[in-house]
Amino acid sequence: MTDDILKVLIEEDAIAEKVKELGAKISADYAGKKLLVLGVLKGSFVFMADLIRAITVPCEIEFMAVSSYRSGVKSSGVVKIIKDIDINPQDYNILIVEDILDSGLTLKYLKELLMQRHASDIRIATLLDKPARRAADIQADYTCFEVPDEFVVGYGLDFAEKYRNLPYVGVLKPEVYEK
């Protein structure tokens, strides 16, 4: 698996430090508020697990599974809900947690959907921000790292359901995903 990595972009220690900082900022911003942390599966689960342990205010968690990629490496632009949330988001302050803000199409769709369902407030926390790929007008409220326009995997991010278990974020060799 590591032979498929061109280079390590973000080391495990750097991720842990940034997640801890982000958790402290989120805790301060949501003190005294009804917080629902909403993970976007599958990619966010590693980041979200570490992030909620760094959040020191009470919070509930939920998950949604959505897809806009099918089996390719570029977004199809069509968002499909595979698993919806199990609770009514009305009156919650929702923090959507995503592994990477890439095209922004999925997060824009989710934010609009949750606003239609009367959430009190919706913000976005993302491990990685890749602004070079942005196709939708959306920004993260909380970001750990900005990354260049390269194919990144690890720490929850995958290619063909592999590499999620790498403890760092690495750049995948082009010959792996161009097959």
N, C-alpha and C. Protein backbone atom coordinates (compact mmCIF):
# COMPACT_ATOMS: atom_id res chain seq x y z
N MET A 1 0.82 -1.19 0.00
CA MET A 1 0.00 0.00 0.00
C MET A 1 0.87 1.27 0.00
N THR A 2 1.88 1.30 0.83
CA THR A 2 2.74 2.50 0.88
C THR A 2 3.56 2.66 -0.40
N ASP A 3 3.75 1.58 -1.14
CA ASP A 3 4.46 1.67 -2.42
C ASP A 3 3.69 2.48 -3.45
N ASP A 4 2.38 2.63 -3.23
CA ASP A 4 1.54 3.40 -4.16
C ASP A 4 1.55 4.90 -3.86
N ILE A 5 2.21 5.29 -2.79
CA ILE A 5 2.24 6.70 -2.38
C ILE A 5 3.45 7.40 -2.98
N LEU A 6 3.19 8.47 -3.73
CA LEU A 6 4.25 9.26 -4.34
C LEU A 6 5.03 10.03 -3.28
N LYS A 7 4.29 10.65 -2.34
CA LYS A 7 4.93 11.40 -1.26
C LYS A 7 3.92 11.59 -0.13
N VAL A 8 4.45 11.74 1.07
CA VAL A 8 3.62 12.08 2.22
C VAL A 8 3.44 13.59 2.21
N LEU A 9 2.20 14.02 2.19
CA LEU A 9 1.89 15.45 2.13
C LEU A 9 1.75 16.04 3.54
N ILE A 10 1.05 15.30 4.42
CA ILE A 10 0.83 15.78 5.79
C ILE A 10 1.08 14.63 6.75
N GLU A 11 2.04 14.80 7.63
CA GLU A 11 2.43 13.77 8.60
C GLU A 11 1.37 13.58 9.68
N GLU A 12 1.37 12.40 10.27
CA GLU A 12 0.42 12.04 11.32
C GLU A 12 0.45 13.02 12.49
N ASP A 13 1.64 13.42 12.94
CA ASP A 13 1.76 14.35 14.07
C ASP A 13 1.16 15.72 13.75
N ALA A 14 1.36 16.19 12.54
CA ALA A 14 0.82 17.49 12.14
C ALA A 14 -0.71 17.45 12.12
N ILE A 15 -1.26 16.33 11.66
CA ILE A 15 -2.73 16.17 11.66
C ILE A 15 -3.25 16.22 13.08
N ALA A 16 -2.64 15.46 13.98
CA ALA A 16 -3.09 15.40 15.38
C ALA A 16 -3.08 16.78 16.02
N GLU A 17 -2.03 17.56 15.76
CA GLU A 17 -1.91 18.89 16.34
C GLU A 17 -3.01 19.82 15.81
N LYS A 18 -3.25 19.79 14.50
CA LYS A 18 -4.26 20.66 13.89
C LYS A 18 -5.67 20.28 14.35
N VAL A 19 -5.94 18.99 14.47
CA VAL A 19 -7.26 18.54 14.91
C VAL A 19 -7.52 19.00 16.34
N LYS A 20 -6.51 18.95 17.18
CA LYS A 20 -6.64 19.41 18.56
C LYS A 20 -6.94 20.91 18.59
N GLU A 21 -6.23 21.70 17.78
CA GLU A 21 -6.47 23.15 17.69
C GLU A 21 -7.90 23.43 17.20
N LEU A 22 -8.32 22.70 16.18
CA LEU A 22 -9.66 22.89 15.62
C LEU A 22 -10.72 22.55 16.66
N GLY A 23 -10.51 21.47 17.41
CA GLY A 23 -11.46 21.08 18.46
C GLY A 23 -11.61 22.17 19.51
N ALA A 24 -10.51 22.81 19.88
CA ALA A 24 -10.56 23.89 20.87
C ALA A 24 -11.35 25.09 20.32
N LYS A 25 -11.13 25.42 19.05
CA LYS A 25 -11.85 26.56 18.44
C LYS A 25 -13.34 26.25 18.34
N ILE A 26 -13.68 25.04 17.90
CA ILE A 26 -15.08 24.64 17.79
C ILE A 26 -15.74 24.65 19.17
N SER A 27 -15.04 24.16 20.17
CA SER A 27 -15.57 24.15 21.54
C SER A 27 -15.90 25.56 22.02
N ALA A 28 -15.03 26.50 21.74
CA ALA A 28 -15.27 27.89 22.12
C ALA A 28 -16.47 28.47 21.36
N ASP A 29 -16.54 28.19 20.07
CA ASP A 29 -17.61 28.74 19.24
C ASP A 29 -18.99 28.16 19.57
N TYR A 30 -19.04 26.93 20.06
CA TYR A 30 -20.32 26.26 20.32
C TYR A 30 -20.65 26.15 21.81
N ALA A 31 -19.93 26.83 22.65
CA ALA A 31 -20.22 26.79 24.09
C ALA A 31 -21.66 27.24 24.34
N GLY A 32 -22.42 26.42 25.07
CA GLY A 32 -23.80 26.75 25.41
C GLY A 32 -24.80 26.55 24.29
N LYS A 33 -24.40 25.96 23.18
CA LYS A 33 -25.30 25.75 22.04
C LYS A 33 -25.60 24.27 21.86
N LYS A 34 -26.74 23.99 21.23
CA LYS A 34 -27.15 22.61 20.92
C LYS A 34 -26.42 22.19 19.64
N LEU A 35 -25.37 21.37 19.80
CA LEU A 35 -24.48 21.03 18.68
C LEU A 35 -24.73 19.60 18.19
N LEU A 36 -24.89 19.49 16.89
CA LEU A 36 -24.96 18.20 16.22
C LEU A 36 -23.79 18.12 15.25
N VAL A 37 -22.90 17.17 15.47
CA VAL A 37 -21.76 16.95 14.58
C VAL A 37 -22.18 15.89 13.58
N LEU A 38 -22.19 16.27 12.32
CA LEU A 38 -22.71 15.41 11.25
C LEU A 38 -21.58 14.98 10.33
N GLY A 39 -21.21 13.72 10.40
CA GLY A 39 -20.14 13.19 9.56
C GLY A 39 -20.66 12.73 8.21
N VAL A 40 -19.91 13.06 7.18
CA VAL A 40 -20.25 12.63 5.82
C VAL A 40 -19.41 11.38 5.53
N LEU A 41 -20.10 10.25 5.43
CA LEU A 41 -19.43 8.97 5.22
C LEU A 41 -19.06 8.77 3.76
N LYS A 42 -18.04 8.02 3.53
CA LYS A 42 -17.23 7.29 4.45
C LYS A 42 -16.00 8.08 4.87
N GLY A 43 -15.58 9.00 4.05
CA GLY A 43 -14.29 9.65 4.22
C GLY A 43 -14.05 10.39 5.51
N SER A 44 -15.10 10.90 6.13
CA SER A 44 -14.91 11.75 7.32
C SER A 44 -14.70 10.97 8.61
N PHE A 45 -14.92 9.67 8.61
CA PHE A 45 -15.00 8.95 9.89
C PHE A 45 -13.73 9.01 10.72
N VAL A 46 -12.56 8.97 10.12
CA VAL A 46 -11.31 9.02 10.89
C VAL A 46 -11.13 10.42 11.48
N PHE A 47 -11.27 11.44 10.65
CA PHE A 47 -11.16 12.83 11.09
C PHE A 47 -12.20 13.14 12.15
N MET A 48 -13.44 12.73 11.93
CA MET A 48 -14.51 13.03 12.87
C MET A 48 -14.27 12.37 14.22
N ALA A 49 -13.80 11.14 14.22
CA ALA A 49 -13.53 10.44 15.49
C ALA A 49 -12.51 11.22 16.31
N ASP A 50 -11.45 11.67 15.68
CA ASP A 50 -10.44 12.44 16.40
C ASP A 50 -10.97 13.82 16.79
N LEU A 51 -11.74 14.43 15.90
CA LEU A 51 -12.25 15.78 16.16
C LEU A 51 -13.22 15.79 17.34
N ILE A 52 -14.16 14.86 17.41
CA ILE A 52 -15.12 14.91 18.51
C ILE A 52 -14.44 14.66 19.86
N ARG A 53 -13.34 13.92 19.85
CA ARG A 53 -12.59 13.74 21.10
C ARG A 53 -11.86 15.02 21.51
N ALA A 54 -11.65 15.91 20.55
CA ALA A 54 -11.00 17.19 20.84
C ALA A 54 -12.02 18.29 21.17
N ILE A 55 -13.29 18.01 20.95
CA ILE A 55 -14.35 18.97 21.28
C ILE A 55 -14.75 18.75 22.74
N THR A 56 -14.76 19.82 23.51
CA THR A 56 -14.99 19.69 24.96
C THR A 56 -16.38 20.11 25.39
N VAL A 57 -17.25 20.49 24.47
CA VAL A 57 -18.63 20.84 24.81
C VAL A 57 -19.54 19.67 24.42
N PRO A 58 -20.71 19.57 25.07
CA PRO A 58 -21.62 18.48 24.72
C PRO A 58 -22.01 18.53 23.24
N CYS A 59 -22.07 17.37 22.63
CA CYS A 59 -22.50 17.30 21.24
C CYS A 59 -23.14 15.95 20.97
N GLU A 60 -24.01 15.94 20.00
CA GLU A 60 -24.59 14.70 19.49
C GLU A 60 -23.92 14.43 18.16
N ILE A 61 -23.94 13.18 17.73
CA ILE A 61 -23.35 12.85 16.43
C ILE A 61 -24.37 12.14 15.55
N GLU A 62 -24.22 12.35 14.29
CA GLU A 62 -25.04 11.71 13.25
C GLU A 62 -24.15 11.49 12.04
N PHE A 63 -24.62 10.67 11.14
CA PHE A 63 -23.90 10.41 9.89
C PHE A 63 -24.85 10.43 8.71
N MET A 64 -24.33 10.90 7.59
CA MET A 64 -25.00 10.78 6.30
C MET A 64 -24.01 10.14 5.35
N ALA A 65 -24.54 9.34 4.45
CA ALA A 65 -23.71 8.80 3.38
C ALA A 65 -24.24 9.38 2.08
N VAL A 66 -23.36 10.06 1.39
CA VAL A 66 -23.72 10.67 0.11
C VAL A 66 -22.62 10.37 -0.90
N SER A 67 -22.97 10.49 -2.15
CA SER A 67 -21.97 10.25 -3.18
C SER A 67 -22.20 11.16 -4.37
N SER A 68 -21.10 11.65 -4.90
CA SER A 68 -21.17 12.38 -6.17
C SER A 68 -20.06 11.89 -7.10
N TYR A 69 -19.41 10.80 -6.71
CA TYR A 69 -18.27 10.31 -7.48
C TYR A 69 -18.52 9.03 -8.26
N ARG A 70 -19.47 8.24 -7.85
CA ARG A 70 -19.67 6.89 -8.40
C ARG A 70 -18.35 6.15 -8.29
N SER A 71 -17.78 5.65 -9.38
CA SER A 71 -16.51 4.92 -9.26
C SER A 71 -15.34 5.68 -9.86
N GLY A 72 -15.57 6.91 -10.26
CA GLY A 72 -14.50 7.68 -10.90
C GLY A 72 -13.67 8.47 -9.93
N VAL A 73 -12.81 9.32 -10.48
CA VAL A 73 -11.94 10.17 -9.67
C VAL A 73 -12.38 11.62 -9.69
N LYS A 74 -13.39 11.95 -10.50
CA LYS A 74 -13.93 13.31 -10.55
C LYS A 74 -15.41 13.26 -10.22
N SER A 75 -15.88 14.33 -9.57
CA SER A 75 -17.28 14.40 -9.17
C SER A 75 -18.18 14.38 -10.40
N SER A 76 -19.29 13.64 -10.29
CA SER A 76 -20.27 13.60 -11.38
C SER A 76 -21.15 14.84 -11.36
N GLY A 77 -21.16 15.55 -10.22
CA GLY A 77 -22.00 16.73 -10.07
C GLY A 77 -23.40 16.41 -9.59
N VAL A 78 -23.77 15.13 -9.54
CA VAL A 78 -25.07 14.71 -9.06
C VAL A 78 -24.89 14.07 -7.69
N VAL A 79 -25.53 14.65 -6.67
CA VAL A 79 -25.39 14.14 -5.31
C VAL A 79 -26.52 13.17 -5.03
N LYS A 80 -26.15 12.02 -4.52
CA LYS A 80 -27.11 10.97 -4.18
C LYS A 80 -27.00 10.68 -2.69
N ILE A 81 -28.13 10.75 -1.96
CA ILE A 81 -28.13 10.40 -0.54
C ILE A 81 -28.28 8.89 -0.43
N ILE A 82 -27.30 8.26 0.18
CA ILE A 82 -27.31 6.82 0.37
C ILE A 82 -27.86 6.48 1.76
N LYS A 83 -27.49 7.29 2.75
CA LYS A 83 -28.02 7.15 4.11
C LYS A 83 -28.31 8.54 4.65
N ASP A 84 -29.55 8.78 5.03
CA ASP A 84 -29.95 10.07 5.57
C ASP A 84 -29.78 10.06 7.10
N ILE A 85 -29.87 11.22 7.71
CA ILE A 85 -29.79 11.29 9.17
C ILE A 85 -31.06 10.72 9.78
N ASP A 86 -30.94 10.28 11.03
CA ASP A 86 -32.06 9.63 11.71
C ASP A 86 -32.86 10.56 12.60
N ILE A 87 -32.43 11.81 12.73
CA ILE A 87 -33.14 12.75 13.59
C ILE A 87 -33.58 13.98 12.80
N ASN A 88 -34.49 14.72 13.36
CA ASN A 88 -34.93 15.97 12.77
C ASN A 88 -33.89 17.04 13.12
N PRO A 89 -33.27 17.68 12.14
CA PRO A 89 -32.21 18.67 12.43
C PRO A 89 -32.73 20.03 12.88
N GLN A 90 -34.05 20.19 12.96
CA GLN A 90 -34.62 21.48 13.34
C GLN A 90 -34.09 21.92 14.70
N ASP A 91 -33.69 23.17 14.77
CA ASP A 91 -33.21 23.82 16.00
C ASP A 91 -31.81 23.38 16.44
N TYR A 92 -31.13 22.58 15.64
CA TYR A 92 -29.75 22.19 15.96
C TYR A 92 -28.77 23.15 15.28
N ASN A 93 -27.64 23.35 15.93
CA ASN A 93 -26.49 23.97 15.29
C ASN A 93 -25.70 22.80 14.71
N ILE A 94 -25.64 22.72 13.42
CA ILE A 94 -25.03 21.56 12.77
C ILE A 94 -23.63 21.89 12.28
N LEU A 95 -22.71 21.02 12.64
CA LEU A 95 -21.35 21.10 12.14
C LEU A 95 -21.15 19.91 11.21
N ILE A 96 -21.14 20.17 9.91
CA ILE A 96 -20.90 19.11 8.93
C ILE A 96 -19.41 18.85 8.90
N VAL A 97 -19.03 17.58 9.07
CA VAL A 97 -17.62 17.20 9.07
C VAL A 97 -17.35 16.39 7.80
N GLU A 98 -16.39 16.85 7.03
CA GLU A 98 -16.04 16.22 5.76
C GLU A 98 -14.53 16.04 5.69
N ASP A 99 -14.10 15.04 4.95
CA ASP A 99 -12.67 14.79 4.81
C ASP A 99 -12.00 15.84 3.95
N ILE A 100 -12.65 16.20 2.83
CA ILE A 100 -12.04 17.15 1.90
C ILE A 100 -13.12 17.99 1.23
N LEU A 101 -12.85 19.28 1.13
CA LEU A 101 -13.70 20.18 0.36
C LEU A 101 -13.01 20.36 -0.98
N ASP A 102 -13.57 19.70 -1.98
CA ASP A 102 -12.98 19.62 -3.31
C ASP A 102 -13.83 20.50 -4.24
N SER A 103 -14.70 19.89 -5.02
CA SER A 103 -15.57 20.67 -5.92
C SER A 103 -16.55 21.52 -5.13
N GLY A 104 -16.95 21.04 -3.95
CA GLY A 104 -17.90 21.76 -3.13
C GLY A 104 -19.35 21.42 -3.44
N LEU A 105 -19.59 20.64 -4.48
CA LEU A 105 -20.96 20.33 -4.90
C LEU A 105 -21.72 19.56 -3.83
N THR A 106 -21.09 18.56 -3.23
CA THR A 106 -21.75 17.76 -2.20
C THR A 106 -22.07 18.61 -0.98
N LEU A 107 -21.11 19.37 -0.50
CA LEU A 107 -21.33 20.18 0.70
C LEU A 107 -22.36 21.29 0.47
N LYS A 108 -22.36 21.88 -0.70
CA LYS A 108 -23.36 22.91 -1.02
C LYS A 108 -24.75 22.28 -0.99
N TYR A 109 -24.88 21.11 -1.58
CA TYR A 109 -26.16 20.40 -1.59
C TYR A 109 -26.61 20.08 -0.16
N LEU A 110 -25.71 19.53 0.65
CA LEU A 110 -26.05 19.16 2.03
C LEU A 110 -26.44 20.38 2.85
N LYS A 111 -25.70 21.46 2.71
CA LYS A 111 -26.00 22.67 3.47
C LYS A 111 -27.39 23.20 3.10
N GLU A 112 -27.70 23.22 1.82
CA GLU A 112 -29.02 23.69 1.38
C GLU A 112 -30.13 22.76 1.88
N LEU A 113 -29.90 21.46 1.84
CA LEU A 113 -30.87 20.48 2.31
C LEU A 113 -31.16 20.67 3.81
N LEU A 114 -30.11 20.84 4.60
CA LEU A 114 -30.28 21.01 6.04
C LEU A 114 -30.91 22.35 6.38
N MET A 115 -30.67 23.38 5.59
CA MET A 115 -31.34 24.67 5.80
C MET A 115 -32.84 24.52 5.54
N GLN A 116 -33.19 23.75 4.50
CA GLN A 116 -34.60 23.51 4.19
C GLN A 116 -35.28 22.73 5.33
N ARG A 117 -34.50 21.98 6.07
CA ARG A 117 -35.03 21.21 7.20
C ARG A 117 -34.96 22.00 8.51
N HIS A 118 -34.68 23.29 8.42
CA HIS A 118 -34.77 24.26 9.52
C HIS A 118 -33.71 24.09 10.61
N ALA A 119 -32.51 23.72 10.23
CA ALA A 119 -31.41 23.75 11.21
C ALA A 119 -31.19 25.20 11.62
N SER A 120 -30.80 25.42 12.87
CA SER A 120 -30.56 26.79 13.36
C SER A 120 -29.36 27.42 12.69
N ASP A 121 -28.30 26.64 12.53
CA ASP A 121 -27.05 27.14 11.99
C ASP A 121 -26.31 25.95 11.38
N ILE A 122 -25.63 26.19 10.28
CA ILE A 122 -24.88 25.12 9.63
C ILE A 122 -23.49 25.64 9.31
N ARG A 123 -22.49 24.94 9.81
CA ARG A 123 -21.10 25.25 9.50
C ARG A 123 -20.42 23.99 9.01
N ILE A 124 -19.25 24.18 8.41
CA ILE A 124 -18.51 23.07 7.81
C ILE A 124 -17.11 23.01 8.39
N ALA A 125 -16.72 21.80 8.80
CA ALA A 125 -15.35 21.53 9.22
C ALA A 125 -14.78 20.49 8.28
N THR A 126 -13.63 20.77 7.73
CA THR A 126 -13.01 19.84 6.80
C THR A 126 -11.53 19.67 7.13
N LEU A 127 -11.08 18.45 6.99
CA LEU A 127 -9.66 18.19 7.19
C LEU A 127 -8.84 18.91 6.13
N LEU A 128 -9.26 18.74 4.88
CA LEU A 128 -8.51 19.29 3.74
C LEU A 128 -9.38 20.22 2.91
N ASP A 129 -8.77 21.26 2.41
CA ASP A 129 -9.43 22.17 1.48
C ASP A 129 -8.59 22.21 0.21
N LYS A 130 -9.25 21.93 -0.92
CA LYS A 130 -8.57 21.94 -2.21
C LYS A 130 -9.27 22.99 -3.09
N PRO A 131 -8.95 24.28 -2.88
CA PRO A 131 -9.67 25.35 -3.59
C PRO A 131 -9.49 25.35 -5.10
N ALA A 132 -8.42 24.76 -5.60
CA ALA A 132 -8.20 24.73 -7.05
C ALA A 132 -9.29 23.95 -7.79
N ARG A 133 -10.01 23.09 -7.09
CA ARG A 133 -11.04 22.25 -7.72
C ARG A 133 -12.46 22.77 -7.50
N ARG A 134 -12.62 23.91 -6.82
CA ARG A 134 -13.93 24.38 -6.42
C ARG A 134 -14.81 24.68 -7.62
N ALA A 135 -15.98 24.08 -7.64
CA ALA A 135 -16.98 24.32 -8.69
C ALA A 135 -18.23 24.99 -8.11
N ALA A 136 -18.39 24.93 -6.79
CA ALA A 136 -19.55 25.53 -6.12
C ALA A 136 -19.06 26.67 -5.23
N ASP A 137 -19.94 27.63 -5.01
CA ASP A 137 -19.61 28.78 -4.17
C ASP A 137 -19.83 28.39 -2.71
N ILE A 138 -18.82 27.79 -2.10
CA ILE A 138 -18.91 27.35 -0.71
C ILE A 138 -17.51 27.31 -0.10
N GLN A 139 -17.43 27.68 1.16
CA GLN A 139 -16.17 27.66 1.90
C GLN A 139 -16.38 26.91 3.21
N ALA A 140 -15.31 26.35 3.73
CA ALA A 140 -15.37 25.71 5.05
C ALA A 140 -15.22 26.79 6.12
N ASP A 141 -15.88 26.56 7.24
CA ASP A 141 -15.74 27.46 8.39
C ASP A 141 -14.53 27.08 9.22
N TYR A 142 -14.17 25.82 9.18
CA TYR A 142 -13.03 25.29 9.92
C TYR A 142 -12.26 24.36 8.98
N THR A 143 -10.97 24.61 8.83
CA THR A 143 -10.14 23.80 7.95
C THR A 143 -8.81 23.53 8.63
N CYS A 144 -8.34 22.30 8.49
CA CYS A 144 -7.01 21.98 9.03
C CYS A 144 -5.91 22.33 8.05
N PHE A 145 -6.04 21.90 6.80
CA PHE A 145 -4.97 22.10 5.82
C PHE A 145 -5.52 22.42 4.44
N GLU A 146 -4.83 23.29 3.72
CA GLU A 146 -5.11 23.51 2.30
C GLU A 146 -4.13 22.64 1.53
N VAL A 147 -4.65 21.95 0.51
CA VAL A 147 -3.80 21.05 -0.27
C VAL A 147 -3.82 21.44 -1.75
N PRO A 148 -2.73 21.11 -2.45
CA PRO A 148 -2.68 21.39 -3.89
C PRO A 148 -3.58 20.42 -4.66
N ASP A 149 -3.73 20.69 -5.94
CA ASP A 149 -4.59 19.87 -6.79
C ASP A 149 -3.87 18.57 -7.17
N GLU A 150 -3.77 17.69 -6.18
CA GLU A 150 -3.17 16.37 -6.37
C GLU A 150 -4.13 15.35 -5.79
N PHE A 151 -4.00 14.09 -6.20
CA PHE A 151 -4.88 13.04 -5.72
C PHE A 151 -4.37 12.55 -4.37
N VAL A 152 -5.10 12.93 -3.30
CA VAL A 152 -4.67 12.61 -1.94
C VAL A 152 -5.48 11.46 -1.34
N VAL A 153 -4.79 10.65 -0.53
CA VAL A 153 -5.42 9.52 0.16
C VAL A 153 -4.86 9.44 1.58
N GLY A 154 -5.50 8.63 2.39
CA GLY A 154 -5.05 8.41 3.76
C GLY A 154 -5.90 9.18 4.75
N TYR A 155 -5.82 8.78 6.01
CA TYR A 155 -6.56 9.40 7.10
C TYR A 155 -8.04 9.52 6.75
N GLY A 156 -8.58 8.45 6.18
CA GLY A 156 -10.00 8.40 5.81
C GLY A 156 -10.27 8.58 4.33
N LEU A 157 -9.37 9.25 3.61
CA LEU A 157 -9.57 9.46 2.17
C LEU A 157 -9.14 8.22 1.41
N ASP A 158 -9.88 7.91 0.36
CA ASP A 158 -9.62 6.66 -0.35
C ASP A 158 -9.47 6.85 -1.85
N PHE A 159 -9.03 5.78 -2.46
CA PHE A 159 -9.19 5.56 -3.89
C PHE A 159 -9.67 4.12 -4.01
N ALA A 160 -10.84 3.93 -4.62
CA ALA A 160 -11.43 2.60 -4.79
C ALA A 160 -11.51 1.85 -3.45
N GLU A 161 -11.88 2.57 -2.40
CA GLU A 161 -12.07 2.03 -1.04
C GLU A 161 -10.78 1.57 -0.38
N LYS A 162 -9.64 1.94 -0.92
CA LYS A 162 -8.36 1.58 -0.31
C LYS A 162 -7.65 2.84 0.19
N TYR A 163 -6.69 2.65 1.07
CA TYR A 163 -5.79 3.69 1.60
C TYR A 163 -6.39 4.50 2.76
N ARG A 164 -7.66 4.29 3.12
CA ARG A 164 -8.27 5.05 4.21
C ARG A 164 -7.50 4.88 5.52
N ASN A 165 -6.89 3.72 5.71
CA ASN A 165 -6.23 3.39 6.98
C ASN A 165 -4.81 3.92 7.10
N LEU A 166 -4.31 4.64 6.11
CA LEU A 166 -3.00 5.26 6.26
C LEU A 166 -3.09 6.35 7.33
N PRO A 167 -2.12 6.46 8.22
CA PRO A 167 -2.22 7.44 9.32
C PRO A 167 -1.83 8.86 8.91
N TYR A 168 -1.46 9.06 7.67
CA TYR A 168 -1.05 10.36 7.14
C TYR A 168 -1.83 10.63 5.86
N VAL A 169 -1.67 11.84 5.31
CA VAL A 169 -2.25 12.16 4.00
C VAL A 169 -1.11 12.13 3.00
N GLY A 170 -1.29 11.31 1.98
CA GLY A 170 -0.26 11.18 0.96
C GLY A 170 -0.82 11.40 -0.44
N VAL A 171 0.07 11.64 -1.36
CA VAL A 171 -0.30 11.81 -2.77
C VAL A 171 -0.16 10.45 -3.45
N LEU A 172 -1.22 10.01 -4.09
CA LEU A 172 -1.23 8.73 -4.78
C LEU A 172 -0.50 8.85 -6.12
N LYS A 173 0.30 7.85 -6.43
CA LYS A 173 1.00 7.85 -7.72
C LYS A 173 -0.03 7.82 -8.85
N PRO A 174 0.14 8.65 -9.87
CA PRO A 174 -0.82 8.69 -10.98
C PRO A 174 -1.05 7.34 -11.65
N GLU A 175 -0.01 6.52 -11.74
CA GLU A 175 -0.20 5.23 -12.41
C GLU A 175 -1.18 4.32 -11.67
N VAL A 176 -1.44 4.60 -10.40
CA VAL A 176 -2.39 3.79 -9.62
C VAL A 176 -3.83 4.11 -10.03
N TYR A 177 -4.15 5.41 -10.16
CA TYR A 177 -5.54 5.78 -10.46
C TYR A 177 -5.80 6.01 -11.95
N GLU A 178 -4.78 5.98 -12.77
CA GLU A 178 -4.98 6.15 -14.20
C GLU A 178 -5.11 4.84 -14.94
N LYS A 179 -5.09 3.72 -14.19
CA LYS A 179 -5.19 2.40 -14.84
C LYS A 179 -6.50 2.23 -15.54
